[in-house]
Amino acid sequence: MKYYLGVDGGSSKTHALLADDTGQVLGFGKGGSGNHQSYGLQSALRQIDLAVRQALEQAGISPERVEVGYFCLAGADLPEDYAILQEAIQGLGLAGKVIVKNDTMASLRAGLTRSWGVVVICGTGFNAAGRSMDGREIVLPGLGYLSGDWGGGDELSQEILRAVMRAWDGRGKPTRLTGLVLTALELPSEGVLLSKLYHDEIDPERILDLVKLLFDASQMGDEIARDLIVRMGTEVGITANALLKRLSLEEADAEVVLGGSVFKGKGGLLVDTASQVIHRVAPLARIVQPRFEPVVGTLFLVLEWAGLPITPGRLERLAASLPGRWSHAGLS
């Protein structure tokens, strides 16, 4: 029996799964941020090591028995990132062979029914990747403003606050976001909100949570909220189209995976907007949302790398050995 490790290291949490060559999942582990750009390399390594060793302990397997570890990590953006991470993770001694990829590849594979397609991630940040029919991969740098990106939870939450402030001083239209934001943050007025923001007195996680209110306001008919969602959906579509063209998939029935927490917002406006933009360029494209958590995608990737295709039997065994909520973007 051979054993394989899949790790998804995101900006907020790290997940690890251990499986055997039949696809049976044997262990799960969880750690904090696995992004070396967020809190430094040593912090990321500690969280990755924690998650993996939890999975190994649960499975009763020693690291020496793990054939390959497939690590899909946020922050693996530029060639220098891969060089640093490859050496550092290999040094942890968690698997015989270590493969490092960007975390977008985990989300891509978690959503595909085959090995090729495109993914756009709209979670805390924004990124995208794709794989062609012949296995060529493209991952956008995902460095925010520096690499031309717009969108994701961080960006949207700032746009929400900007809309509230502009409505307050008369430069923008009134918006239902004002009342929703003040209520959510338990603040009496826009002036107090501004002061709290200026002095960094609001937990960044609470600010990020404001993105949910964007969809609430849209459902209430708020024009500002709807325009912002349409802007986000348009950017998703433009990004997907760029990758579809570069991978020569615009005439294929390519799957376009939409992954990340922002796509879980209420209503269909975001996904519908993205779909319309994509179908202008790739009319046969199929818009899908992941059935599995990204970490399950890492298991698909490592098994396929080892020459073990995701056959119906292997897929059934893998899905059956996961707790039910794991298979529908529910890992916490």
C-alpha atoms as a PDB file:
ATOM      1  CA  MET A   1       0.000   0.000   0.000  1.00  0.00           C
ATOM      2  CA  LYS A   2       1.280   3.468  -0.907  1.00  0.00           C
ATOM      3  CA  TYR A   3       0.256   6.726   0.769  1.00  0.00           C
ATOM      4  CA  TYR A   4      -0.204  10.203  -0.653  1.00  0.00           C
ATOM      5  CA  LEU A   5      -0.562  13.617   0.937  1.00  0.00           C
ATOM      6  CA  GLY A   6      -2.520  16.616  -0.312  1.00  0.00           C
ATOM      7  CA  VAL A   7      -2.195  20.047   1.307  1.00  0.00           C
ATOM      8  CA  ASP A   8      -4.094  23.251   0.629  1.00  0.00           C
ATOM      9  CA  GLY A   9      -2.391  26.197   2.325  1.00  0.00           C
ATOM     10  CA  GLY A  10      -4.482  29.343   2.133  1.00  0.00           C
ATOM     11  CA  SER A  11      -4.192  32.823   3.579  1.00  0.00           C
ATOM     12  CA  SER A  12      -6.473  32.004   6.505  1.00  0.00           C
ATOM     13  CA  LYS A  13      -6.105  28.243   7.032  1.00  0.00           C
ATOM     14  CA  THR A  14      -4.257  25.125   5.946  1.00  0.00           C
ATOM     15  CA  HIS A  15      -5.896  21.743   5.324  1.00  0.00           C
ATOM     16  CA  ALA A  16      -4.172  18.402   4.830  1.00  0.00           C
ATOM     17  CA  LEU A  17      -5.549  15.039   3.726  1.00  0.00           C
ATOM     18  CA  LEU A  18      -3.769  11.686   3.630  1.00  0.00           C
ATOM     19  CA  ALA A  19      -5.021   8.898   1.376  1.00  0.00           C
ATOM     20  CA  ASP A  20      -3.861   5.503   0.163  1.00  0.00           C
ATOM     21  CA  ASP A  21      -3.516   4.481  -3.471  1.00  0.00           C
ATOM     22  CA  THR A  22      -7.118   3.245  -3.613  1.00  0.00           C
ATOM     23  CA  GLY A  23      -8.385   6.748  -2.819  1.00  0.00           C
ATOM     24  CA  GLN A  24      -9.361   5.935   0.754  1.00  0.00           C
ATOM     25  CA  VAL A  25      -8.933   9.023   2.953  1.00  0.00           C
ATOM     26  CA  LEU A  26      -7.204   8.093   6.189  1.00  0.00           C
ATOM     27  CA  GLY A  27      -6.439  11.347   7.958  1.00  0.00           C
ATOM     28  CA  PHE A  28      -7.220  15.057   8.095  1.00  0.00           C
ATOM     29  CA  GLY A  29      -5.351  17.954   9.696  1.00  0.00           C
ATOM     30  CA  LYS A  30      -5.827  21.675  10.030  1.00  0.00           C
ATOM     31  CA  GLY A  31      -3.533  24.614  10.686  1.00  0.00           C
ATOM     32  CA  GLY A  32      -3.514  28.384  10.334  1.00  0.00           C
ATOM     33  CA  SER A  33      -2.251  30.497   7.438  1.00  0.00           C
ATOM     34  CA  GLY A  34       0.023  28.612   5.075  1.00  0.00           C
ATOM     35  CA  ASN A  35       0.908  31.743   3.106  1.00  0.00           C
ATOM     36  CA  HIS A  36       4.532  32.743   3.683  1.00  0.00           C
ATOM     37  CA  GLN A  37       3.744  36.245   2.415  1.00  0.00           C
ATOM     38  CA  SER A  38       1.288  36.870   5.253  1.00  0.00           C
ATOM     39  CA  TYR A  39       3.211  36.096   8.450  1.00  0.00           C
ATOM     40  CA  GLY A  40       6.611  34.964   7.213  1.00  0.00           C
ATOM     41  CA  LEU A  41       8.068  31.681   6.029  1.00  0.00           C
ATOM     42  CA  GLN A  42       8.654  30.132   9.450  1.00  0.00           C
ATOM     43  CA  SER A  43       5.094  30.815  10.565  1.00  0.00           C
ATOM     44  CA  ALA A  44       3.702  29.268   7.368  1.00  0.00           C
ATOM     45  CA  LEU A  45       5.931  26.212   7.773  1.00  0.00           C
ATOM     46  CA  ARG A  46       4.748  25.707  11.347  1.00  0.00           C
ATOM     47  CA  GLN A  47       1.106  25.720  10.264  1.00  0.00           C
ATOM     48  CA  ILE A  48       1.725  23.412   7.317  1.00  0.00           C
ATOM     49  CA  ASP A  49       3.677  21.025   9.538  1.00  0.00           C
ATOM     50  CA  LEU A  50       0.898  21.120  12.147  1.00  0.00           C
ATOM     51  CA  ALA A  51      -1.825  20.268   9.630  1.00  0.00           C
ATOM     52  CA  VAL A  52       0.154  17.450   8.016  1.00  0.00           C
ATOM     53  CA  ARG A  53       1.222  15.833  11.285  1.00  0.00           C
ATOM     54  CA  GLN A  54      -2.379  15.871  12.506  1.00  0.00           C
ATOM     55  CA  ALA A  55      -3.388  13.993   9.357  1.00  0.00           C
ATOM     56  CA  LEU A  56      -0.513  11.527   9.760  1.00  0.00           C
ATOM     57  CA  GLU A  57      -1.324  10.917  13.411  1.00  0.00           C
ATOM     58  CA  GLN A  58      -4.988  10.343  12.654  1.00  0.00           C
ATOM     59  CA  ALA A  59      -4.026   7.835   9.966  1.00  0.00           C
ATOM     60  CA  GLY A  60      -1.339   6.162  12.077  1.00  0.00           C
ATOM     61  CA  ILE A  61       1.187   6.667   9.271  1.00  0.00           C
ATOM     62  CA  SER A  62       4.754   7.946   9.650  1.00  0.00           C
ATOM     63  CA  PRO A  63       6.108  10.591   7.216  1.00  0.00           C
ATOM     64  CA  GLU A  64       8.636   8.087   5.874  1.00  0.00           C
ATOM     65  CA  ARG A  65       5.785   6.039   4.404  1.00  0.00           C
ATOM     66  CA  VAL A  66       4.321   8.941   2.384  1.00  0.00           C
ATOM     67  CA  GLU A  67       5.346   8.645  -1.253  1.00  0.00           C
ATOM     68  CA  VAL A  68       4.462  12.148  -2.434  1.00  0.00           C
ATOM     69  CA  GLY A  69       3.175  15.333  -0.840  1.00  0.00           C
ATOM     70  CA  TYR A  70       1.350  17.778  -3.114  1.00  0.00           C
ATOM     71  CA  PHE A  71       1.357  21.271  -1.571  1.00  0.00           C
ATOM     72  CA  CYS A  72      -0.908  23.892  -3.174  1.00  0.00           C
ATOM     73  CA  LEU A  73      -0.011  27.115  -1.407  1.00  0.00           C
ATOM     74  CA  ALA A  74      -1.178  30.708  -1.440  1.00  0.00           C
ATOM     75  CA  GLY A  75       1.873  32.900  -1.943  1.00  0.00           C
ATOM     76  CA  ALA A  76       3.482  30.534  -4.459  1.00  0.00           C
ATOM     77  CA  ASP A  77       3.329  33.262  -7.083  1.00  0.00           C
ATOM     78  CA  LEU A  78       6.743  33.970  -8.621  1.00  0.00           C
ATOM     79  CA  PRO A  79       9.670  31.651  -9.453  1.00  0.00           C
ATOM     80  CA  GLU A  80      11.541  32.778  -6.345  1.00  0.00           C
ATOM     81  CA  ASP A  81       8.558  31.757  -4.190  1.00  0.00           C
ATOM     82  CA  TYR A  82       8.624  28.242  -5.605  1.00  0.00           C
ATOM     83  CA  ALA A  83      12.360  27.921  -5.010  1.00  0.00           C
ATOM     84  CA  ILE A  84      12.044  29.005  -1.368  1.00  0.00           C
ATOM     85  CA  LEU A  85       8.989  26.869  -0.647  1.00  0.00           C
ATOM     86  CA  GLN A  86      10.253  23.741  -2.388  1.00  0.00           C
ATOM     87  CA  GLU A  87      13.427  23.668  -0.311  1.00  0.00           C
ATOM     88  CA  ALA A  88      11.711  24.649   2.946  1.00  0.00           C
ATOM     89  CA  ILE A  89       8.888  22.110   2.724  1.00  0.00           C
ATOM     90  CA  GLN A  90      11.186  19.340   1.598  1.00  0.00           C
ATOM     91  CA  GLY A  91      13.182  20.116   4.743  1.00  0.00           C
ATOM     92  CA  LEU A  92      10.163  19.404   6.948  1.00  0.00           C
ATOM     93  CA  GLY A  93      10.457  15.728   6.102  1.00  0.00           C
ATOM     94  CA  LEU A  94       6.748  15.187   5.571  1.00  0.00           C
ATOM     95  CA  ALA A  95       6.954  13.104   2.385  1.00  0.00           C
ATOM     96  CA  GLY A  96       9.498  11.355   0.214  1.00  0.00           C
ATOM     97  CA  LYS A  97       8.858  13.763  -2.668  1.00  0.00           C
ATOM     98  CA  VAL A  98       7.425  17.258  -2.449  1.00  0.00           C
ATOM     99  CA  ILE A  99       5.567  19.100  -5.219  1.00  0.00           C
ATOM    100  CA  VAL A 100       4.676  22.769  -4.750  1.00  0.00           C
ATOM    101  CA  LYS A 101       1.949  24.500  -6.745  1.00  0.00           C
ATOM    102  CA  ASN A 102      -0.131  27.637  -6.345  1.00  0.00           C
ATOM    103  CA  ASP A 103      -3.337  27.148  -4.351  1.00  0.00           C
ATOM    104  CA  THR A 104      -5.452  27.996  -7.393  1.00  0.00           C
ATOM    105  CA  MET A 105      -4.552  24.597  -8.834  1.00  0.00           C
ATOM    106  CA  ALA A 106      -6.241  22.861  -5.893  1.00  0.00           C
ATOM    107  CA  SER A 107      -9.460  24.792  -6.461  1.00  0.00           C
ATOM    108  CA  LEU A 108      -9.252  24.141 -10.192  1.00  0.00           C
ATOM    109  CA  ARG A 109      -8.955  20.386  -9.806  1.00  0.00           C
ATOM    110  CA  ALA A 110     -11.579  20.260  -7.038  1.00  0.00           C
ATOM    111  CA  GLY A 111     -14.147  21.674  -9.435  1.00  0.00           C
ATOM    112  CA  LEU A 112     -13.305  19.825 -12.652  1.00  0.00           C
ATOM    113  CA  THR A 113     -14.757  16.553 -13.881  1.00  0.00           C
ATOM    114  CA  ARG A 114     -11.609  16.139 -15.989  1.00  0.00           C
ATOM    115  CA  SER A 115      -8.042  17.405 -15.859  1.00  0.00           C
ATOM    116  CA  TRP A 116      -8.328  20.599 -17.967  1.00  0.00           C
ATOM    117  CA  GLY A 117     -10.248  23.870 -17.591  1.00  0.00           C
ATOM    118  CA  VAL A 118     -10.067  27.262 -15.904  1.00  0.00           C
ATOM    119  CA  VAL A 119     -10.653  28.501 -12.372  1.00  0.00           C
ATOM    120  CA  VAL A 120     -11.289  31.990 -11.032  1.00  0.00           C
ATOM    121  CA  ILE A 121     -10.908  32.431  -7.277  1.00  0.00           C
ATOM    122  CA  CYS A 122     -12.800  35.203  -5.547  1.00  0.00           C
ATOM    123  CA  GLY A 123     -12.241  34.751  -1.841  1.00  0.00           C
ATOM    124  CA  THR A 124     -10.247  37.016   0.441  1.00  0.00           C
ATOM    125  CA  GLY A 125      -8.174  37.835  -2.625  1.00  0.00           C
ATOM    126  CA  PHE A 126      -8.531  37.301  -6.354  1.00  0.00           C
ATOM    127  CA  ASN A 127      -6.643  34.934  -8.623  1.00  0.00           C
ATOM    128  CA  ALA A 128      -7.095  32.577 -11.549  1.00  0.00           C
ATOM    129  CA  ALA A 129      -5.430  29.629 -13.249  1.00  0.00           C
ATOM    130  CA  GLY A 130      -6.002  27.078 -15.960  1.00  0.00           C
ATOM    131  CA  ARG A 131      -4.754  23.935 -17.635  1.00  0.00           C
ATOM    132  CA  SER A 132      -4.958  23.136 -21.340  1.00  0.00           C
ATOM    133  CA  MET A 133      -5.927  19.808 -22.863  1.00  0.00           C
ATOM    134  CA  ASP A 134      -2.241  18.969 -23.359  1.00  0.00           C
ATOM    135  CA  GLY A 135      -1.360  19.760 -19.715  1.00  0.00           C
ATOM    136  CA  ARG A 136       0.056  23.260 -20.090  1.00  0.00           C
ATOM    137  CA  GLU A 137      -0.616  25.328 -16.970  1.00  0.00           C
ATOM    138  CA  ILE A 138      -1.038  29.062 -16.454  1.00  0.00           C
ATOM    139  CA  VAL A 139      -1.335  30.675 -13.031  1.00  0.00           C
ATOM    140  CA  LEU A 140      -1.769  34.430 -12.784  1.00  0.00           C
ATOM    141  CA  PRO A 141       0.690  36.113 -10.381  1.00  0.00           C
ATOM    142  CA  GLY A 142      -2.140  37.115  -8.032  1.00  0.00           C
ATOM    143  CA  LEU A 143      -0.237  40.051  -6.546  1.00  0.00           C
ATOM    144  CA  GLY A 144      -3.179  42.436  -6.444  1.00  0.00           C
ATOM    145  CA  TYR A 145      -2.618  45.912  -7.824  1.00  0.00           C
ATOM    146  CA  LEU A 146       0.970  45.045  -8.786  1.00  0.00           C
ATOM    147  CA  SER A 147      -0.186  42.386 -11.249  1.00  0.00           C
ATOM    148  CA  GLY A 148      -3.296  44.195 -12.486  1.00  0.00           C
ATOM    149  CA  ASP A 149      -5.864  42.443 -10.294  1.00  0.00           C
ATOM    150  CA  TRP A 150      -9.107  43.854  -8.963  1.00  0.00           C
ATOM    151  CA  GLY A 151     -11.581  42.081  -6.725  1.00  0.00           C
ATOM    152  CA  GLY A 152     -11.948  39.583  -3.938  1.00  0.00           C
ATOM    153  CA  GLY A 153     -13.179  40.121  -0.405  1.00  0.00           C
ATOM    154  CA  ASP A 154     -10.499  42.585   0.663  1.00  0.00           C
ATOM    155  CA  GLU A 155     -11.113  44.813  -2.334  1.00  0.00           C
ATOM    156  CA  LEU A 156     -14.893  44.569  -2.138  1.00  0.00           C
ATOM    157  CA  SER A 157     -14.982  45.400   1.568  1.00  0.00           C
ATOM    158  CA  GLN A 158     -12.956  48.550   0.888  1.00  0.00           C
ATOM    159  CA  GLU A 159     -15.335  49.489  -1.931  1.00  0.00           C
ATOM    160  CA  ILE A 160     -18.283  49.027   0.432  1.00  0.00           C
ATOM    161  CA  LEU A 161     -16.726  51.398   2.975  1.00  0.00           C
ATOM    162  CA  ARG A 162     -15.912  53.849   0.200  1.00  0.00           C
ATOM    163  CA  ALA A 163     -19.535  53.812  -0.974  1.00  0.00           C
ATOM    164  CA  VAL A 164     -20.763  54.466   2.575  1.00  0.00           C
ATOM    165  CA  MET A 165     -18.396  57.409   2.988  1.00  0.00           C
ATOM    166  CA  ARG A 166     -19.253  58.947  -0.374  1.00  0.00           C
ATOM    167  CA  ALA A 167     -22.962  58.641   0.369  1.00  0.00           C
ATOM    168  CA  TRP A 168     -22.332  60.353   3.720  1.00  0.00           C
ATOM    169  CA  ASP A 169     -20.533  63.401   2.302  1.00  0.00           C
ATOM    170  CA  GLY A 170     -22.768  63.785  -0.744  1.00  0.00           C
ATOM    171  CA  ARG A 171     -20.351  62.686  -3.466  1.00  0.00           C
ATOM    172  CA  GLY A 172     -22.152  59.381  -3.910  1.00  0.00           C
ATOM    173  CA  LYS A 173     -25.710  58.130  -4.050  1.00  0.00           C
ATOM    174  CA  PRO A 174     -27.504  57.044  -0.887  1.00  0.00           C
ATOM    175  CA  THR A 175     -27.112  53.319  -0.295  1.00  0.00           C
ATOM    176  CA  ARG A 176     -28.657  50.699   1.947  1.00  0.00           C
ATOM    177  CA  LEU A 177     -25.110  49.626   2.687  1.00  0.00           C
ATOM    178  CA  THR A 178     -24.844  52.507   5.164  1.00  0.00           C
ATOM    179  CA  GLY A 179     -27.397  51.117   7.588  1.00  0.00           C
ATOM    180  CA  LEU A 180     -26.258  47.537   7.096  1.00  0.00           C
ATOM    181  CA  VAL A 181     -22.601  48.389   7.753  1.00  0.00           C
ATOM    182  CA  LEU A 182     -23.286  50.527  10.831  1.00  0.00           C
ATOM    183  CA  THR A 183     -25.527  47.835  12.282  1.00  0.00           C
ATOM    184  CA  ALA A 184     -23.028  45.071  11.596  1.00  0.00           C
ATOM    185  CA  LEU A 185     -20.185  47.021  13.207  1.00  0.00           C
ATOM    186  CA  GLU A 186     -22.411  48.273  16.032  1.00  0.00           C
ATOM    187  CA  LEU A 187     -21.556  51.910  15.366  1.00  0.00           C
ATOM    188  CA  PRO A 188     -23.870  54.945  15.666  1.00  0.00           C
ATOM    189  CA  SER A 189     -22.772  57.008  12.672  1.00  0.00           C
ATOM    190  CA  GLU A 190     -20.531  57.337   9.644  1.00  0.00           C
ATOM    191  CA  GLY A 191     -18.359  59.810  11.551  1.00  0.00           C
ATOM    192  CA  VAL A 192     -17.626  57.259  14.250  1.00  0.00           C
ATOM    193  CA  LEU A 193     -16.984  54.644  11.565  1.00  0.00           C
ATOM    194  CA  LEU A 194     -14.446  56.919   9.896  1.00  0.00           C
ATOM    195  CA  SER A 195     -12.668  57.575  13.173  1.00  0.00           C
ATOM    196  CA  LYS A 196     -12.527  53.872  14.011  1.00  0.00           C
ATOM    197  CA  LEU A 197     -11.107  53.081  10.573  1.00  0.00           C
ATOM    198  CA  TYR A 198      -8.541  55.873  10.814  1.00  0.00           C
ATOM    199  CA  HIS A 199      -7.255  54.562  14.139  1.00  0.00           C
ATOM    200  CA  ASP A 200      -7.336  50.884  13.032  1.00  0.00           C
ATOM    201  CA  GLU A 201      -9.827  50.054  15.761  1.00  0.00           C
ATOM    202  CA  ILE A 202     -11.919  47.577  13.764  1.00  0.00           C
ATOM    203  CA  ASP A 203     -10.840  43.942  13.444  1.00  0.00           C
ATOM    204  CA  PRO A 204      -9.910  43.269   9.795  1.00  0.00           C
ATOM    205  CA  GLU A 205     -12.015  40.098   9.885  1.00  0.00           C
ATOM    206  CA  ARG A 206     -15.105  42.159  10.719  1.00  0.00           C
ATOM    207  CA  ILE A 207     -14.357  44.428   7.779  1.00  0.00           C
ATOM    208  CA  LEU A 208     -13.964  41.417   5.496  1.00  0.00           C
ATOM    209  CA  ASP A 209     -17.335  40.104   6.708  1.00  0.00           C
ATOM    210  CA  LEU A 210     -18.983  43.214   5.271  1.00  0.00           C
ATOM    211  CA  VAL A 211     -18.862  41.591   1.825  1.00  0.00           C
ATOM    212  CA  LYS A 212     -21.899  39.504   2.782  1.00  0.00           C
ATOM    213  CA  LEU A 213     -23.859  42.754   3.191  1.00  0.00           C
ATOM    214  CA  LEU A 214     -23.210  43.626  -0.434  1.00  0.00           C
ATOM    215  CA  PHE A 215     -25.452  40.762  -1.493  1.00  0.00           C
ATOM    216  CA  ASP A 216     -28.054  41.610   1.153  1.00  0.00           C
ATOM    217  CA  ALA A 217     -28.239  45.185  -0.137  1.00  0.00           C
ATOM    218  CA  SER A 218     -28.479  43.952  -3.718  1.00  0.00           C
ATOM    219  CA  GLN A 219     -31.443  41.767  -2.792  1.00  0.00           C
ATOM    220  CA  MET A 220     -33.069  44.908  -1.348  1.00  0.00           C
ATOM    221  CA  GLY A 221     -32.716  46.637  -4.730  1.00  0.00           C
ATOM    222  CA  ASP A 222     -29.739  48.829  -3.855  1.00  0.00           C
ATOM    223  CA  GLU A 223     -28.205  50.276  -7.022  1.00  0.00           C
ATOM    224  CA  ILE A 224     -24.736  50.805  -5.562  1.00  0.00           C
ATOM    225  CA  ALA A 225     -24.530  47.201  -4.363  1.00  0.00           C
ATOM    226  CA  ARG A 226     -25.782  45.807  -7.654  1.00  0.00           C
ATOM    227  CA  ASP A 227     -23.300  47.878  -9.657  1.00  0.00           C
ATOM    228  CA  LEU A 228     -20.449  46.622  -7.496  1.00  0.00           C
ATOM    229  CA  ILE A 229     -21.519  42.994  -7.929  1.00  0.00           C
ATOM    230  CA  VAL A 230     -21.811  43.480 -11.687  1.00  0.00           C
ATOM    231  CA  ARG A 231     -18.337  45.018 -11.729  1.00  0.00           C
ATOM    232  CA  MET A 232     -16.990  41.992  -9.862  1.00  0.00           C
ATOM    233  CA  GLY A 233     -18.784  39.554 -12.154  1.00  0.00           C
ATOM    234  CA  THR A 234     -17.471  41.350 -15.222  1.00  0.00           C
ATOM    235  CA  GLU A 235     -13.903  41.124 -13.933  1.00  0.00           C
ATOM    236  CA  VAL A 236     -14.378  37.406 -13.255  1.00  0.00           C
ATOM    237  CA  GLY A 237     -15.555  36.929 -16.840  1.00  0.00           C
ATOM    238  CA  ILE A 238     -12.737  39.001 -18.354  1.00  0.00           C
ATOM    239  CA  THR A 239     -10.180  37.024 -16.353  1.00  0.00           C
ATOM    240  CA  ALA A 240     -11.648  33.655 -17.325  1.00  0.00           C
ATOM    241  CA  ASN A 241     -11.736  34.676 -20.983  1.00  0.00           C
ATOM    242  CA  ALA A 242      -8.086  35.717 -20.947  1.00  0.00           C
ATOM    243  CA  LEU A 243      -7.087  32.268 -19.721  1.00  0.00           C
ATOM    244  CA  LEU A 244      -9.439  30.435 -22.067  1.00  0.00           C
ATOM    245  CA  LYS A 245      -7.821  32.244 -25.001  1.00  0.00           C
ATOM    246  CA  ARG A 246      -4.260  31.666 -23.825  1.00  0.00           C
ATOM    247  CA  LEU A 247      -4.993  27.962 -23.350  1.00  0.00           C
ATOM    248  CA  SER A 248      -6.819  27.649 -26.696  1.00  0.00           C
ATOM    249  CA  LEU A 249     -10.035  26.611 -24.965  1.00  0.00           C
ATOM    250  CA  GLU A 250     -12.407  29.321 -26.169  1.00  0.00           C
ATOM    251  CA  GLU A 251     -14.045  26.956 -28.683  1.00  0.00           C
ATOM    252  CA  ALA A 252     -14.196  23.973 -26.327  1.00  0.00           C
ATOM    253  CA  ASP A 253     -16.807  22.965 -23.761  1.00  0.00           C
ATOM    254  CA  ALA A 254     -14.323  23.962 -21.074  1.00  0.00           C
ATOM    255  CA  GLU A 255     -15.376  23.978 -17.449  1.00  0.00           C
ATOM    256  CA  VAL A 256     -14.876  27.341 -15.749  1.00  0.00           C
ATOM    257  CA  VAL A 257     -14.744  26.792 -11.999  1.00  0.00           C
ATOM    258  CA  LEU A 258     -15.833  29.661  -9.751  1.00  0.00           C
ATOM    259  CA  GLY A 259     -14.253  29.163  -6.349  1.00  0.00           C
ATOM    260  CA  GLY A 260     -14.074  31.203  -3.179  1.00  0.00           C
ATOM    261  CA  SER A 261     -16.365  32.617  -0.522  1.00  0.00           C
ATOM    262  CA  VAL A 262     -17.573  35.613  -2.528  1.00  0.00           C
ATOM    263  CA  PHE A 263     -19.396  33.298  -4.932  1.00  0.00           C
ATOM    264  CA  LYS A 264     -21.479  32.057  -1.993  1.00  0.00           C
ATOM    265  CA  GLY A 265     -23.239  35.425  -1.697  1.00  0.00           C
ATOM    266  CA  LYS A 266     -27.014  35.614  -2.013  1.00  0.00           C
ATOM    267  CA  GLY A 267     -28.674  35.769  -5.403  1.00  0.00           C
ATOM    268  CA  GLY A 268     -27.487  34.937  -8.898  1.00  0.00           C
ATOM    269  CA  LEU A 269     -26.276  38.335 -10.089  1.00  0.00           C
ATOM    270  CA  LEU A 270     -22.559  37.670  -9.645  1.00  0.00           C
ATOM    271  CA  VAL A 271     -22.485  34.294 -11.358  1.00  0.00           C
ATOM    272  CA  ASP A 272     -24.973  35.364 -14.032  1.00  0.00           C
ATOM    273  CA  THR A 273     -22.859  38.399 -14.920  1.00  0.00           C
ATOM    274  CA  ALA A 274     -19.673  36.331 -15.113  1.00  0.00           C
ATOM    275  CA  SER A 275     -21.449  33.723 -17.260  1.00  0.00           C
ATOM    276  CA  GLN A 276     -22.689  36.300 -19.749  1.00  0.00           C
ATOM    277  CA  VAL A 277     -19.225  37.786 -20.175  1.00  0.00           C
ATOM    278  CA  ILE A 278     -17.613  34.348 -20.564  1.00  0.00           C
ATOM    279  CA  HIS A 279     -20.166  33.099 -23.081  1.00  0.00           C
ATOM    280  CA  ARG A 280     -19.517  36.030 -25.399  1.00  0.00           C
ATOM    281  CA  VAL A 281     -16.035  34.610 -25.940  1.00  0.00           C
ATOM    282  CA  ALA A 282     -16.522  30.919 -25.163  1.00  0.00           C
ATOM    283  CA  PRO A 283     -20.153  30.008 -25.921  1.00  0.00           C
ATOM    284  CA  LEU A 284     -19.681  26.333 -25.066  1.00  0.00           C
ATOM    285  CA  ALA A 285     -18.029  26.946 -21.693  1.00  0.00           C
ATOM    286  CA  ARG A 286     -19.712  25.393 -18.673  1.00  0.00           C
ATOM    287  CA  ILE A 287     -19.777  27.450 -15.479  1.00  0.00           C
ATOM    288  CA  VAL A 288     -19.401  25.256 -12.407  1.00  0.00           C
ATOM    289  CA  GLN A 289     -18.926  25.704  -8.696  1.00  0.00           C
ATOM    290  CA  PRO A 290     -16.726  23.176  -6.874  1.00  0.00           C
ATOM    291  CA  ARG A 291     -18.286  20.011  -5.542  1.00  0.00           C
ATOM    292  CA  PHE A 292     -15.279  19.482  -3.302  1.00  0.00           C
ATOM    293  CA  GLU A 293     -13.105  21.547  -0.997  1.00  0.00           C
ATOM    294  CA  PRO A 294      -9.768  22.630  -2.519  1.00  0.00           C
ATOM    295  CA  VAL A 295      -7.827  20.184  -0.331  1.00  0.00           C
ATOM    296  CA  VAL A 296      -9.683  17.325  -2.023  1.00  0.00           C
ATOM    297  CA  GLY A 297      -8.401  18.743  -5.299  1.00  0.00           C
ATOM    298  CA  THR A 298      -4.861  18.307  -4.006  1.00  0.00           C
ATOM    299  CA  LEU A 299      -5.562  14.594  -3.511  1.00  0.00           C
ATOM    300  CA  PHE A 300      -6.819  14.320  -7.092  1.00  0.00           C
ATOM    301  CA  LEU A 301      -3.638  16.035  -8.261  1.00  0.00           C
ATOM    302  CA  VAL A 302      -1.221  13.890  -6.277  1.00  0.00           C
ATOM    303  CA  LEU A 303      -2.931  10.651  -7.265  1.00  0.00           C
ATOM    304  CA  GLU A 304      -2.945  11.639 -10.929  1.00  0.00           C
ATOM    305  CA  TRP A 305       0.709  12.655 -10.691  1.00  0.00           C
ATOM    306  CA  ALA A 306       1.449   9.162  -9.375  1.00  0.00           C
ATOM    307  CA  GLY A 307      -0.300   7.626 -12.386  1.00  0.00           C
ATOM    308  CA  LEU A 308      -3.464   6.773 -10.473  1.00  0.00           C
ATOM    309  CA  PRO A 309      -6.371   8.218 -12.468  1.00  0.00           C
ATOM    310  CA  ILE A 310      -9.525   9.346 -10.694  1.00  0.00           C
ATOM    311  CA  THR A 311     -11.657   6.476 -11.868  1.00  0.00           C
ATOM    312  CA  PRO A 312     -15.307   6.262 -10.826  1.00  0.00           C
ATOM    313  CA  GLY A 313     -14.371   3.656  -8.230  1.00  0.00           C
ATOM    314  CA  ARG A 314     -11.528   5.705  -6.778  1.00  0.00           C
ATOM    315  CA  LEU A 315     -13.705   8.821  -6.752  1.00  0.00           C
ATOM    316  CA  GLU A 316     -16.536   6.974  -5.007  1.00  0.00           C
ATOM    317  CA  ARG A 317     -14.155   5.591  -2.382  1.00  0.00           C
ATOM    318  CA  LEU A 318     -12.602   8.996  -1.767  1.00  0.00           C
ATOM    319  CA  ALA A 319     -15.950  10.766  -1.457  1.00  0.00           C
ATOM    320  CA  ALA A 320     -17.349   8.056   0.817  1.00  0.00           C
ATOM    321  CA  SER A 321     -14.366   8.293   3.162  1.00  0.00           C
ATOM    322  CA  LEU A 322     -14.812  12.032   3.671  1.00  0.00           C
ATOM    323  CA  PRO A 323     -17.205  13.345   6.313  1.00  0.00           C
ATOM    324  CA  GLY A 324     -20.293  14.476   4.401  1.00  0.00           C
ATOM    325  CA  ARG A 325     -19.784  18.205   4.794  1.00  0.00           C
ATOM    326  CA  TRP A 326     -16.240  18.040   3.395  1.00  0.00           C
ATOM    327  CA  SER A 327     -17.454  17.382  -0.107  1.00  0.00           C
ATOM    328  CA  HIS A 328     -19.401  20.603  -0.471  1.00  0.00           C
ATOM    329  CA  ALA A 329     -17.051  23.479   0.443  1.00  0.00           C
ATOM    330  CA  GLY A 330     -17.805  23.040   4.132  1.00  0.00           C
ATOM    331  CA  LEU A 331     -14.440  22.478   5.803  1.00  0.00           C
ATOM    332  CA  SER A 332     -13.938  24.916   8.651  1.00  0.00           C
END
